[in-house]
C-alpha atoms as a PDB file:
ATOM      1  CA  MET A   1      39.928  23.073 -57.312  1.00  0.00           C
ATOM      2  CA  SER A   2      43.666  23.760 -57.294  1.00  0.00           C
ATOM      3  CA  LEU A   3      45.933  22.589 -54.509  1.00  0.00           C
ATOM      4  CA  GLN A   4      46.949  26.169 -53.734  1.00  0.00           C
ATOM      5  CA  ASP A   5      43.310  27.282 -53.288  1.00  0.00           C
ATOM      6  CA  PHE A   6      42.690  24.248 -51.027  1.00  0.00           C
ATOM      7  CA  LEU A   7      45.624  25.006 -48.809  1.00  0.00           C
ATOM      8  CA  SER A   8      44.679  28.718 -48.627  1.00  0.00           C
ATOM      9  CA  THR A   9      41.114  27.780 -47.568  1.00  0.00           C
ATOM     10  CA  LEU A  10      42.438  25.536 -44.773  1.00  0.00           C
ATOM     11  CA  ASP A  11      44.854  28.290 -43.579  1.00  0.00           C
ATOM     12  CA  GLY A  12      42.079  30.771 -43.376  1.00  0.00           C
ATOM     13  CA  LEU A  13      39.661  28.359 -41.600  1.00  0.00           C
ATOM     14  CA  GLU A  14      42.393  27.402 -39.071  1.00  0.00           C
ATOM     15  CA  GLU A  15      42.989  31.051 -38.177  1.00  0.00           C
ATOM     16  CA  GLU A  16      39.317  31.712 -37.889  1.00  0.00           C
ATOM     17  CA  ALA A  17      38.660  28.670 -35.722  1.00  0.00           C
ATOM     18  CA  SER A  18      41.536  29.351 -33.434  1.00  0.00           C
ATOM     19  CA  ALA A  19      40.323  32.947 -32.989  1.00  0.00           C
ATOM     20  CA  ALA A  20      36.795  31.776 -32.282  1.00  0.00           C
ATOM     21  CA  PHE A  21      37.932  29.271 -29.691  1.00  0.00           C
ATOM     22  CA  GLU A  22      40.281  31.707 -27.961  1.00  0.00           C
ATOM     23  CA  THR A  23      37.593  34.429 -27.637  1.00  0.00           C
ATOM     24  CA  ALA A  24      34.817  32.127 -26.471  1.00  0.00           C
ATOM     25  CA  CYS A  25      33.642  33.432 -23.074  1.00  0.00           C
ATOM     26  CA  ASP A  26      31.429  30.535 -21.915  1.00  0.00           C
ATOM     27  CA  ALA A  27      30.562  26.966 -22.609  1.00  0.00           C
ATOM     28  CA  ASP A  28      27.605  27.844 -24.954  1.00  0.00           C
ATOM     29  CA  THR A  29      29.745  30.109 -27.112  1.00  0.00           C
ATOM     30  CA  LEU A  30      32.480  27.437 -27.344  1.00  0.00           C
ATOM     31  CA  GLU A  31      29.935  24.782 -28.267  1.00  0.00           C
ATOM     32  CA  ALA A  32      28.516  27.019 -31.037  1.00  0.00           C
ATOM     33  CA  ALA A  33      32.027  27.502 -32.457  1.00  0.00           C
ATOM     34  CA  ARG A  34      32.746  23.814 -32.312  1.00  0.00           C
ATOM     35  CA  VAL A  35      29.635  23.091 -34.345  1.00  0.00           C
ATOM     36  CA  ARG A  36      30.494  25.771 -36.816  1.00  0.00           C
ATOM     37  CA  PHE A  37      33.962  24.377 -37.631  1.00  0.00           C
ATOM     38  CA  LEU A  38      33.844  20.696 -36.624  1.00  0.00           C
ATOM     39  CA  GLY A  39      30.158  19.831 -36.801  1.00  0.00           C
ATOM     40  CA  GLN A  40      29.387  16.466 -38.417  1.00  0.00           C
ATOM     41  CA  LYS A  41      26.564  17.625 -40.487  1.00  0.00           C
ATOM     42  CA  SER A  42      27.205  21.264 -41.486  1.00  0.00           C
ATOM     43  CA  GLY A  43      30.608  22.211 -40.133  1.00  0.00           C
ATOM     44  CA  ALA A  44      33.269  23.984 -42.206  1.00  0.00           C
ATOM     45  CA  LEU A  45      35.526  20.928 -41.986  1.00  0.00           C
ATOM     46  CA  ARG A  46      32.904  18.787 -43.630  1.00  0.00           C
ATOM     47  CA  ASP A  47      32.524  21.246 -46.485  1.00  0.00           C
ATOM     48  CA  VAL A  48      36.306  21.341 -47.101  1.00  0.00           C
ATOM     49  CA  GLN A  49      36.490  17.490 -47.132  1.00  0.00           C
ATOM     50  CA  LYS A  50      33.898  17.450 -49.924  1.00  0.00           C
ATOM     51  CA  ARG A  51      36.307  19.540 -52.058  1.00  0.00           C
ATOM     52  CA  MET A  52      39.004  16.857 -51.960  1.00  0.00           C
ATOM     53  CA  GLY A  53      37.467  15.157 -54.940  1.00  0.00           C
ATOM     54  CA  SER A  54      38.057  18.223 -57.153  1.00  0.00           C
ATOM     55  CA  ILE A  55      41.801  18.236 -56.498  1.00  0.00           C
ATOM     56  CA  ASP A  56      44.110  16.712 -59.040  1.00  0.00           C
ATOM     57  CA  LYS A  57      45.027  13.131 -58.172  1.00  0.00           C
ATOM     58  CA  ALA A  58      48.728  13.881 -57.999  1.00  0.00           C
ATOM     59  CA  ASP A  59      48.092  16.648 -55.393  1.00  0.00           C
ATOM     60  CA  ARG A  60      45.715  14.767 -53.136  1.00  0.00           C
ATOM     61  CA  LYS A  61      48.377  13.254 -50.884  1.00  0.00           C
ATOM     62  CA  THR A  62      49.668  16.777 -50.053  1.00  0.00           C
ATOM     63  CA  ALA A  63      46.144  18.023 -49.562  1.00  0.00           C
ATOM     64  CA  GLY A  64      45.314  15.152 -47.247  1.00  0.00           C
ATOM     65  CA  MET A  65      48.371  15.659 -45.062  1.00  0.00           C
ATOM     66  CA  ARG A  66      47.414  19.340 -44.651  1.00  0.00           C
ATOM     67  CA  LEU A  67      43.831  18.448 -43.916  1.00  0.00           C
ATOM     68  CA  ASN A  68      44.894  16.077 -41.124  1.00  0.00           C
ATOM     69  CA  GLN A  69      47.173  18.728 -39.693  1.00  0.00           C
ATOM     70  CA  PHE A  70      44.265  21.198 -39.809  1.00  0.00           C
ATOM     71  CA  LYS A  71      42.049  18.740 -37.848  1.00  0.00           C
ATOM     72  CA  SER A  72      44.748  18.264 -35.221  1.00  0.00           C
ATOM     73  CA  ASN A  73      45.461  21.959 -34.790  1.00  0.00           C
ATOM     74  CA  VAL A  74      41.737  22.908 -34.554  1.00  0.00           C
ATOM     75  CA  GLN A  75      41.026  20.077 -32.124  1.00  0.00           C
ATOM     76  CA  GLU A  76      43.972  21.197 -29.955  1.00  0.00           C
ATOM     77  CA  ALA A  77      42.665  24.744 -29.960  1.00  0.00           C
ATOM     78  CA  LEU A  78      39.242  23.479 -28.883  1.00  0.00           C
ATOM     79  CA  GLU A  79      40.736  21.483 -26.008  1.00  0.00           C
ATOM     80  CA  ASN A  80      42.705  24.453 -24.832  1.00  0.00           C
ATOM     81  CA  ALA A  81      39.616  26.522 -24.737  1.00  0.00           C
ATOM     82  CA  LYS A  82      37.758  23.909 -22.785  1.00  0.00           C
ATOM     83  CA  THR A  83      40.559  23.877 -20.225  1.00  0.00           C
ATOM     84  CA  ARG A  84      40.528  27.646 -19.996  1.00  0.00           C
ATOM     85  CA  LEU A  85      36.724  27.667 -19.354  1.00  0.00           C
ATOM     86  CA  GLY A  86      36.929  25.072 -16.649  1.00  0.00           C
ATOM     87  CA  GLY A  87      36.908  21.533 -18.006  1.00  0.00           C
ATOM     88  CA  ASP A  88      35.794  19.204 -20.703  1.00  0.00           C
ATOM     89  CA  ASP A  89      32.108  19.706 -21.578  1.00  0.00           C
ATOM     90  CA  SER A  90      31.954  16.092 -22.686  1.00  0.00           C
ATOM     91  CA  THR A  91      32.024  15.017 -19.019  1.00  0.00           C
ATOM     92  CA  GLY A  92      28.803  16.905 -18.419  1.00  0.00           C
ATOM     93  CA  ALA A  93      30.525  19.117 -15.794  1.00  0.00           C
ATOM     94  CA  ASP A  94      29.142  22.583 -15.297  1.00  0.00           C
ATOM     95  CA  PRO A  95      31.931  25.118 -15.166  1.00  0.00           C
ATOM     96  CA  THR A  96      29.762  27.386 -12.967  1.00  0.00           C
ATOM     97  CA  PHE A  97      29.208  24.584 -10.429  1.00  0.00           C
ATOM     98  CA  ASP A  98      29.942  25.695  -6.787  1.00  0.00           C
ATOM     99  CA  PRO A  99      30.760  22.670  -4.590  1.00  0.00           C
ATOM    100  CA  SER A 100      30.248  24.742  -1.431  1.00  0.00           C
ATOM    101  CA  LEU A 101      26.528  25.095  -2.060  1.00  0.00           C
ATOM    102  CA  PRO A 102      24.212  22.627  -0.177  1.00  0.00           C
ATOM    103  CA  GLY A 103      23.074  19.695  -2.262  1.00  0.00           C
ATOM    104  CA  ARG A 104      19.548  18.425  -2.988  1.00  0.00           C
ATOM    105  CA  ARG A 105      18.658  15.221  -1.286  1.00  0.00           C
ATOM    106  CA  PRO A 106      17.427  12.665  -3.817  1.00  0.00           C
ATOM    107  CA  SER A 107      13.980  11.134  -3.334  1.00  0.00           C
ATOM    108  CA  ILE A 108      14.671   7.533  -2.383  1.00  0.00           C
ATOM    109  CA  GLY A 109      11.925   4.946  -1.833  1.00  0.00           C
ATOM    110  CA  HIS A 110      11.755   2.823   1.283  1.00  0.00           C
ATOM    111  CA  ILE A 111      10.094  -0.323   2.501  1.00  0.00           C
ATOM    112  CA  HIS A 112       6.349  -0.377   3.067  1.00  0.00           C
ATOM    113  CA  PRO A 113       5.369  -0.374   6.798  1.00  0.00           C
ATOM    114  CA  VAL A 114       3.590  -3.784   6.457  1.00  0.00           C
ATOM    115  CA  THR A 115       6.728  -5.315   4.941  1.00  0.00           C
ATOM    116  CA  GLN A 116       8.841  -3.702   7.710  1.00  0.00           C
ATOM    117  CA  THR A 117       6.535  -5.289  10.249  1.00  0.00           C
ATOM    118  CA  MET A 118       6.737  -8.739   8.639  1.00  0.00           C
ATOM    119  CA  THR A 119      10.491  -8.571   8.668  1.00  0.00           C
ATOM    120  CA  HIS A 120      10.488  -7.573  12.353  1.00  0.00           C
ATOM    121  CA  LEU A 121       8.055 -10.361  13.217  1.00  0.00           C
ATOM    122  CA  MET A 122      10.120 -12.969  11.444  1.00  0.00           C
ATOM    123  CA  GLU A 123      13.224 -11.778  13.308  1.00  0.00           C
ATOM    124  CA  ILE A 124      11.467 -12.028  16.734  1.00  0.00           C
ATOM    125  CA  MET A 125      10.021 -15.498  16.041  1.00  0.00           C
ATOM    126  CA  GLY A 126      13.373 -16.655  14.593  1.00  0.00           C
ATOM    127  CA  ARG A 127      14.979 -15.927  17.979  1.00  0.00           C
ATOM    128  CA  MET A 128      12.493 -18.364  19.491  1.00  0.00           C
ATOM    129  CA  GLY A 129      13.540 -21.108  17.081  1.00  0.00           C
ATOM    130  CA  PHE A 130      10.760 -20.738  14.510  1.00  0.00           C
ATOM    131  CA  GLU A 131      11.688 -21.327  10.861  1.00  0.00           C
ATOM    132  CA  ALA A 132       9.973 -19.431   7.962  1.00  0.00           C
ATOM    133  CA  ALA A 133       7.628 -21.471   5.629  1.00  0.00           C
ATOM    134  CA  GLU A 134       5.727 -20.383   2.562  1.00  0.00           C
ATOM    135  CA  GLY A 135       2.646 -21.700   0.683  1.00  0.00           C
ATOM    136  CA  PRO A 136       0.623 -20.726  -2.394  1.00  0.00           C
ATOM    137  CA  GLU A 137      -1.998 -17.990  -2.244  1.00  0.00           C
ATOM    138  CA  VAL A 138      -4.318 -19.835  -4.653  1.00  0.00           C
ATOM    139  CA  GLU A 139      -5.399 -22.942  -2.705  1.00  0.00           C
ATOM    140  CA  ASP A 140      -7.599 -26.006  -3.095  1.00  0.00           C
ATOM    141  CA  PRO A 141     -10.390 -26.930  -0.630  1.00  0.00           C
ATOM    142  CA  TRP A 142      -8.349 -29.766   0.890  1.00  0.00           C
ATOM    143  CA  HIS A 143      -5.653 -27.470   2.368  1.00  0.00           C
ATOM    144  CA  ASN A 144      -7.997 -24.525   2.958  1.00  0.00           C
ATOM    145  CA  PHE A 145     -10.892 -26.445   4.565  1.00  0.00           C
ATOM    146  CA  VAL A 146     -10.952 -30.289   4.655  1.00  0.00           C
ATOM    147  CA  ALA A 147      -7.565 -30.932   6.292  1.00  0.00           C
ATOM    148  CA  LEU A 148      -8.292 -28.169   8.726  1.00  0.00           C
ATOM    149  CA  ASN A 149     -11.365 -29.990  10.015  1.00  0.00           C
ATOM    150  CA  ILE A 150     -13.762 -27.549   8.378  1.00  0.00           C
ATOM    151  CA  PRO A 151     -16.790 -29.657   7.187  1.00  0.00           C
ATOM    152  CA  GLU A 152     -18.553 -28.954   3.869  1.00  0.00           C
ATOM    153  CA  ASP A 153     -21.580 -27.428   5.544  1.00  0.00           C
ATOM    154  CA  HIS A 154     -19.513 -25.077   7.730  1.00  0.00           C
ATOM    155  CA  PRO A 155     -20.286 -21.325   7.263  1.00  0.00           C
ATOM    156  CA  ALA A 156     -16.612 -20.633   6.661  1.00  0.00           C
ATOM    157  CA  ARG A 157     -16.915 -22.357   3.237  1.00  0.00           C
ATOM    158  CA  ASP A 158     -19.842 -20.167   2.086  1.00  0.00           C
ATOM    159  CA  PRO A 159     -19.109 -18.655  -1.302  1.00  0.00           C
ATOM    160  CA  LEU A 160     -20.012 -15.242   0.090  1.00  0.00           C
ATOM    161  CA  ASP A 161     -17.181 -15.518   2.625  1.00  0.00           C
ATOM    162  CA  ASN A 162     -14.486 -16.641   0.220  1.00  0.00           C
ATOM    163  CA  PHE A 163     -12.980 -15.659  -3.123  1.00  0.00           C
ATOM    164  CA  TYR A 164     -13.573 -18.735  -5.188  1.00  0.00           C
ATOM    165  CA  LEU A 165     -12.028 -18.854  -8.688  1.00  0.00           C
ATOM    166  CA  ALA A 166     -13.690 -19.892 -11.871  1.00  0.00           C
ATOM    167  CA  THR A 167     -11.494 -22.832 -12.929  1.00  0.00           C
ATOM    168  CA  ALA A 168     -12.036 -25.810 -15.099  1.00  0.00           C
ATOM    169  CA  ALA A 169     -13.365 -28.889 -13.219  1.00  0.00           C
ATOM    170  CA  THR A 170     -10.769 -31.628 -12.840  1.00  0.00           C
ATOM    171  CA  GLY A 171     -12.911 -34.196 -11.162  1.00  0.00           C
ATOM    172  CA  THR A 172     -14.084 -34.684  -7.606  1.00  0.00           C
ATOM    173  CA  ASN A 173     -11.811 -36.074  -4.904  1.00  0.00           C
ATOM    174  CA  ASP A 174     -10.896 -35.328  -1.304  1.00  0.00           C
ATOM    175  CA  ARG A 175      -8.163 -32.853  -2.290  1.00  0.00           C
ATOM    176  CA  ASN A 176      -9.989 -30.998  -5.087  1.00  0.00           C
ATOM    177  CA  VAL A 177     -13.657 -30.845  -4.136  1.00  0.00           C
ATOM    178  CA  GLU A 178     -15.648 -30.297  -7.355  1.00  0.00           C
ATOM    179  CA  GLY A 179     -12.473 -28.962  -9.048  1.00  0.00           C
ATOM    180  CA  SER A 180     -12.761 -25.616  -7.307  1.00  0.00           C
ATOM    181  CA  GLN A 181      -9.943 -23.326  -6.206  1.00  0.00           C
ATOM    182  CA  LEU A 182      -9.904 -20.163  -4.104  1.00  0.00           C
ATOM    183  CA  LEU A 183      -7.723 -17.487  -2.752  1.00  0.00           C
ATOM    184  CA  ARG A 184      -6.620 -18.678   0.640  1.00  0.00           C
ATOM    185  CA  SER A 185      -8.612 -17.315   3.530  1.00  0.00           C
ATOM    186  CA  GLN A 186      -6.018 -18.083   6.176  1.00  0.00           C
ATOM    187  CA  THR A 187      -2.352 -18.906   6.397  1.00  0.00           C
ATOM    188  CA  SER A 188      -3.299 -22.114   8.255  1.00  0.00           C
ATOM    189  CA  THR A 189      -3.090 -23.787   4.877  1.00  0.00           C
ATOM    190  CA  VAL A 190       0.735 -23.595   5.180  1.00  0.00           C
ATOM    191  CA  GLN A 191       0.762 -25.662   8.394  1.00  0.00           C
ATOM    192  CA  ILE A 192      -1.017 -28.464   6.480  1.00  0.00           C
ATOM    193  CA  ARG A 193       1.476 -28.373   3.705  1.00  0.00           C
ATOM    194  CA  VAL A 194       4.413 -28.359   6.166  1.00  0.00           C
ATOM    195  CA  MET A 195       3.039 -31.324   8.177  1.00  0.00           C
ATOM    196  CA  GLU A 196       2.371 -33.256   4.946  1.00  0.00           C
ATOM    197  CA  ASP A 197       6.081 -33.057   4.066  1.00  0.00           C
ATOM    198  CA  LYS A 198       7.777 -33.198   7.425  1.00  0.00           C
ATOM    199  CA  GLN A 199       7.714 -35.211  10.604  1.00  0.00           C
ATOM    200  CA  PRO A 200       7.757 -33.630  14.154  1.00  0.00           C
ATOM    201  CA  PRO A 201       9.334 -31.809  15.784  1.00  0.00           C
ATOM    202  CA  ILE A 202       8.062 -28.822  13.835  1.00  0.00           C
ATOM    203  CA  ARG A 203       8.389 -25.120  14.683  1.00  0.00           C
ATOM    204  CA  VAL A 204       7.527 -22.855  11.830  1.00  0.00           C
ATOM    205  CA  ILE A 205       5.933 -19.508  11.077  1.00  0.00           C
ATOM    206  CA  SER A 206       4.427 -18.302   7.794  1.00  0.00           C
ATOM    207  CA  LEU A 207       3.756 -14.680   6.867  1.00  0.00           C
ATOM    208  CA  GLY A 208       1.710 -13.889   3.818  1.00  0.00           C
ATOM    209  CA  ARG A 209      -1.454 -12.436   2.239  1.00  0.00           C
ATOM    210  CA  VAL A 210      -4.936 -13.809   2.814  1.00  0.00           C
ATOM    211  CA  TYR A 211      -8.174 -12.823   1.275  1.00  0.00           C
ATOM    212  CA  ARG A 212     -11.743 -12.460   2.594  1.00  0.00           C
ATOM    213  CA  PRO A 213     -14.606 -10.478   1.097  1.00  0.00           C
ATOM    214  CA  ASP A 214     -14.901  -8.145   4.052  1.00  0.00           C
ATOM    215  CA  ALA A 215     -16.300  -4.666   3.666  1.00  0.00           C
ATOM    216  CA  PRO A 216     -13.382  -2.207   4.170  1.00  0.00           C
ATOM    217  CA  ASP A 217     -13.513  -0.237   7.403  1.00  0.00           C
ATOM    218  CA  ALA A 218     -11.007   1.024   9.972  1.00  0.00           C
ATOM    219  CA  THR A 219      -9.983  -2.525  11.031  1.00  0.00           C
ATOM    220  CA  HIS A 220     -11.022  -4.732   8.061  1.00  0.00           C
ATOM    221  CA  PHE A 221      -9.833  -5.029   4.490  1.00  0.00           C
ATOM    222  CA  PRO A 222     -10.496  -7.715   1.780  1.00  0.00           C
ATOM    223  CA  MET A 223      -6.732  -8.384   1.475  1.00  0.00           C
ATOM    224  CA  PHE A 224      -4.505  -8.487   4.552  1.00  0.00           C
ATOM    225  CA  HIS A 225      -1.554 -10.340   6.012  1.00  0.00           C
ATOM    226  CA  GLN A 226      -1.364 -13.016   8.740  1.00  0.00           C
ATOM    227  CA  MET A 227       1.392 -14.561  10.689  1.00  0.00           C
ATOM    228  CA  GLU A 228       0.790 -18.240  11.140  1.00  0.00           C
ATOM    229  CA  GLY A 229       2.678 -20.110  13.815  1.00  0.00           C
ATOM    230  CA  LEU A 230       2.863 -23.854  14.359  1.00  0.00           C
ATOM    231  CA  LEU A 231       4.688 -25.913  16.943  1.00  0.00           C
ATOM    232  CA  VAL A 232       4.329 -29.756  17.072  1.00  0.00           C
ATOM    233  CA  ASP A 233       6.222 -32.099  19.341  1.00  0.00           C
ATOM    234  CA  LYS A 234       5.657 -34.400  22.233  1.00  0.00           C
ATOM    235  CA  ASN A 235       4.079 -32.990  25.469  1.00  0.00           C
ATOM    236  CA  VAL A 236       3.215 -29.509  24.063  1.00  0.00           C
ATOM    237  CA  THR A 237       0.613 -27.725  26.184  1.00  0.00           C
ATOM    238  CA  MET A 238      -1.505 -24.588  26.255  1.00  0.00           C
ATOM    239  CA  ALA A 239       1.009 -23.090  28.710  1.00  0.00           C
ATOM    240  CA  ASN A 240       3.639 -23.291  25.912  1.00  0.00           C
ATOM    241  CA  LEU A 241       1.305 -21.461  23.543  1.00  0.00           C
ATOM    242  CA  LYS A 242       0.548 -18.651  26.035  1.00  0.00           C
ATOM    243  CA  THR A 243       4.272 -18.236  26.881  1.00  0.00           C
ATOM    244  CA  VAL A 244       5.272 -17.921  23.251  1.00  0.00           C
ATOM    245  CA  LEU A 245       2.558 -15.286  22.558  1.00  0.00           C
ATOM    246  CA  ARG A 246       3.407 -13.297  25.673  1.00  0.00           C
ATOM    247  CA  VAL A 247       7.111 -13.307  24.862  1.00  0.00           C
ATOM    248  CA  PHE A 248       6.271 -12.252  21.284  1.00  0.00           C
ATOM    249  CA  ALA A 249       3.991  -9.462  22.486  1.00  0.00           C
ATOM    250  CA  THR A 250       6.475  -7.963  24.904  1.00  0.00           C
ATOM    251  CA  ASN A 251       9.226  -8.108  22.244  1.00  0.00           C
ATOM    252  CA  TYR A 252       7.216  -6.414  19.564  1.00  0.00           C
ATOM    253  CA  LEU A 253       4.861  -4.085  21.513  1.00  0.00           C
ATOM    254  CA  GLY A 254       6.871  -3.420  24.624  1.00  0.00           C
ATOM    255  CA  ASP A 255       6.895  -4.547  28.249  1.00  0.00           C
ATOM    256  CA  ASP A 256       3.856  -2.446  29.077  1.00  0.00           C
ATOM    257  CA  VAL A 257       1.521  -4.282  26.651  1.00  0.00           C
ATOM    258  CA  GLU A 258      -1.509  -6.065  28.133  1.00  0.00           C
ATOM    259  CA  ILE A 259      -2.531  -9.347  26.551  1.00  0.00           C
ATOM    260  CA  ARG A 260      -5.516 -11.568  27.316  1.00  0.00           C
ATOM    261  CA  PHE A 261      -6.864 -14.878  26.083  1.00  0.00           C
ATOM    262  CA  ARG A 262     -10.562 -15.516  25.661  1.00  0.00           C
ATOM    263  CA  PRO A 263     -12.181 -18.881  25.114  1.00  0.00           C
ATOM    264  CA  SER A 264     -13.291 -19.320  21.525  1.00  0.00           C
ATOM    265  CA  PHE A 265     -13.876 -21.951  18.850  1.00  0.00           C
ATOM    266  CA  PHE A 266     -12.006 -22.852  15.668  1.00  0.00           C
ATOM    267  CA  PRO A 267     -12.507 -26.171  13.786  1.00  0.00           C
ATOM    268  CA  PHE A 268      -8.803 -26.825  13.602  1.00  0.00           C
ATOM    269  CA  THR A 269      -7.853 -26.142  17.264  1.00  0.00           C
ATOM    270  CA  GLU A 270      -9.188 -27.513  20.482  1.00  0.00           C
ATOM    271  CA  PRO A 271      -9.208 -25.789  22.956  1.00  0.00           C
ATOM    272  CA  SER A 272      -9.199 -22.472  21.093  1.00  0.00           C
ATOM    273  CA  VAL A 273      -8.675 -18.857  22.279  1.00  0.00           C
ATOM    274  CA  GLU A 274      -8.933 -15.329  20.940  1.00  0.00           C
ATOM    275  CA  VAL A 275      -5.838 -13.171  21.560  1.00  0.00           C
ATOM    276  CA  ASP A 276      -6.469  -9.510  22.439  1.00  0.00           C
ATOM    277  CA  PHE A 277      -4.151  -6.590  23.174  1.00  0.00           C
ATOM    278  CA  PHE A 278      -5.090  -3.476  25.116  1.00  0.00           C
ATOM    279  CA  TRP A 279      -4.857  -0.538  22.696  1.00  0.00           C
ATOM    280  CA  ASN A 280      -5.971   3.081  22.990  1.00  0.00           C
ATOM    281  CA  GLY A 281      -8.185   2.434  25.969  1.00  0.00           C
ATOM    282  CA  SER A 282      -9.912  -0.696  24.579  1.00  0.00           C
ATOM    283  CA  TRP A 283      -9.255  -4.363  23.859  1.00  0.00           C
ATOM    284  CA  VAL A 284      -8.585  -5.190  20.207  1.00  0.00           C
ATOM    285  CA  GLU A 285      -8.575  -8.643  18.719  1.00  0.00           C
ATOM    286  CA  PHE A 286      -5.313  -9.545  17.028  1.00  0.00           C
ATOM    287  CA  GLY A 287      -5.910 -13.181  16.099  1.00  0.00           C
ATOM    288  CA  GLY A 288      -6.840 -16.715  17.172  1.00  0.00           C
ATOM    289  CA  ALA A 289      -4.848 -19.579  18.606  1.00  0.00           C
ATOM    290  CA  GLY A 290      -5.267 -22.955  20.233  1.00  0.00           C
ATOM    291  CA  MET A 291      -4.061 -26.587  20.510  1.00  0.00           C
ATOM    292  CA  VAL A 292      -4.066 -28.366  17.155  1.00  0.00           C
ATOM    293  CA  ASP A 293      -7.217 -30.596  16.874  1.00  0.00           C
ATOM    294  CA  PRO A 294      -6.460 -34.305  16.672  1.00  0.00           C
ATOM    295  CA  ALA A 295      -8.551 -34.432  13.473  1.00  0.00           C
ATOM    296  CA  VAL A 296      -5.979 -32.242  11.791  1.00  0.00           C
ATOM    297  CA  PHE A 297      -3.080 -34.538  12.877  1.00  0.00           C
ATOM    298  CA  GLU A 298      -5.033 -37.489  11.476  1.00  0.00           C
ATOM    299  CA  ALA A 299      -5.477 -35.724   8.175  1.00  0.00           C
ATOM    300  CA  VAL A 300      -1.729 -35.335   7.756  1.00  0.00           C
ATOM    301  CA  GLY A 301      -0.808 -38.726   9.035  1.00  0.00           C
ATOM    302  CA  TYR A 302       0.355 -37.814  12.582  1.00  0.00           C
ATOM    303  CA  ASP A 303      -0.599 -39.894  15.616  1.00  0.00           C
ATOM    304  CA  PRO A 304      -2.518 -37.554  18.036  1.00  0.00           C
ATOM    305  CA  GLU A 305      -1.770 -40.005  20.814  1.00  0.00           C
ATOM    306  CA  VAL A 306       1.906 -39.297  20.448  1.00  0.00           C
ATOM    307  CA  TYR A 307       2.116 -35.669  19.343  1.00  0.00           C
ATOM    308  CA  SER A 308       0.505 -32.460  20.392  1.00  0.00           C
ATOM    309  CA  GLY A 309       0.949 -28.955  19.232  1.00  0.00           C
ATOM    310  CA  PHE A 310      -0.368 -25.422  19.047  1.00  0.00           C
ATOM    311  CA  ALA A 311      -1.054 -22.967  16.240  1.00  0.00           C
ATOM    312  CA  PHE A 312      -1.853 -19.306  16.084  1.00  0.00           C
ATOM    313  CA  GLY A 313      -2.723 -16.773  13.476  1.00  0.00           C
ATOM    314  CA  LEU A 314      -2.160 -13.064  14.127  1.00  0.00           C
ATOM    315  CA  GLY A 315      -3.121 -10.056  11.941  1.00  0.00           C
ATOM    316  CA  VAL A 316       0.032  -8.356  10.665  1.00  0.00           C
ATOM    317  CA  GLU A 317      -1.719  -5.055   9.813  1.00  0.00           C
ATOM    318  CA  ARG A 318      -3.171  -4.762  13.337  1.00  0.00           C
ATOM    319  CA  LEU A 319       0.295  -5.317  14.838  1.00  0.00           C
ATOM    320  CA  CYS A 320       1.699  -2.687  12.490  1.00  0.00           C
ATOM    321  CA  MET A 321      -1.115  -0.289  13.400  1.00  0.00           C
ATOM    322  CA  ARG A 322      -0.519  -0.846  17.143  1.00  0.00           C
ATOM    323  CA  ARG A 323       3.126  -0.095  16.878  1.00  0.00           C
ATOM    324  CA  HIS A 324       2.892   2.924  14.728  1.00  0.00           C
ATOM    325  CA  GLY A 325      -0.277   4.483  16.116  1.00  0.00           C
ATOM    326  CA  ILE A 326      -2.223   4.071  12.853  1.00  0.00           C
ATOM    327  CA  THR A 327      -6.048   4.129  13.389  1.00  0.00           C
ATOM    328  CA  ASP A 328      -7.338   3.070   9.945  1.00  0.00           C
ATOM    329  CA  ILE A 329      -6.116  -0.023   8.082  1.00  0.00           C
ATOM    330  CA  ARG A 330      -7.170   1.582   4.734  1.00  0.00           C
ATOM    331  CA  ASP A 331      -4.446   4.155   5.040  1.00  0.00           C
ATOM    332  CA  LEU A 332      -1.840   1.348   4.526  1.00  0.00           C
ATOM    333  CA  TYR A 333      -3.224   0.602   1.045  1.00  0.00           C
ATOM    334  CA  SER A 334      -4.353   4.032  -0.094  1.00  0.00           C
ATOM    335  CA  GLY A 335      -1.128   4.625  -2.055  1.00  0.00           C
ATOM    336  CA  ASP A 336      -0.842   8.113  -0.492  1.00  0.00           C
ATOM    337  CA  LEU A 337       2.855   8.838  -0.431  1.00  0.00           C
ATOM    338  CA  ARG A 338       2.320  11.585   2.117  1.00  0.00           C
ATOM    339  CA  PHE A 339       1.192   8.920   4.570  1.00  0.00           C
ATOM    340  CA  LEU A 340       3.700   6.156   3.585  1.00  0.00           C
ATOM    341  CA  GLN A 341       6.724   8.508   3.732  1.00  0.00           C
ATOM    342  CA  GLN A 342       6.339   8.810   7.496  1.00  0.00           C
ATOM    343  CA  PHE A 343       7.610   5.285   8.053  1.00  0.00           C
END
């Protein structure tokens, strides 16, 4: 191909490209013109570049300079057309966009009502001087039963009432009975771990999941959350326990809440009480509490003649349901966004 033919071809393409860009009436038309002349795979510019190899070697410098000028002129014409139509398409802006129109609110997730409740409970108890503590959800019999004064023949250790795990036996000892492990059935395991590592005074709470093979109904679920509280010091009495629970109840549920304590029995507390709140015209059990049994202190190396303390475990879901007027615990774990988006 001669130099003259090459230059004539570029002149014609430049005039044609400039006219196409100047007459483009919208972004789609302009984009089609850009692809036609500057496209990387099948554009006119690419076809012209392929012809450079057929030009005499002595004329290639002149041809290259004209080709670069062609690129610059066509690109300038394209940019002018973009400006005329309302902006640079490479930014993703829509030239027909009307900023005065109302926007669409994006769908943003939010915190689950149970997690909201746990955060609120931790904040309330924190104001009363309780520190947060955590423990594993997979426990050994020592922390879940033995150290809590629950004997081997106690019904609470029945395999039908716990989620035992199939694990390899590691020998029999007082902290790993027959090598078995289980999903913790109560957050009371955390108080044992705290007392094993720390000397009184102790004032902690633990919020977390617990597991029991309960048949699901309006107030029971096989996985739920508890708030465990423990206070150990000298001269701690049942009056201190009742005061803490009353202050907690009024802070979380309101000044008009009614609370009562019923005598009960738990292996790890003596005396023990059930804590009830008056809800929807009836009394509903929210958890158990009591003075820490001396046998528990002995298991962790505390002198029960010197120290005393109280512990309580409250159901987080029931507190959440009471506050938000939820009547069925299963709604919390149904995964129904229409229900969860209310909170």
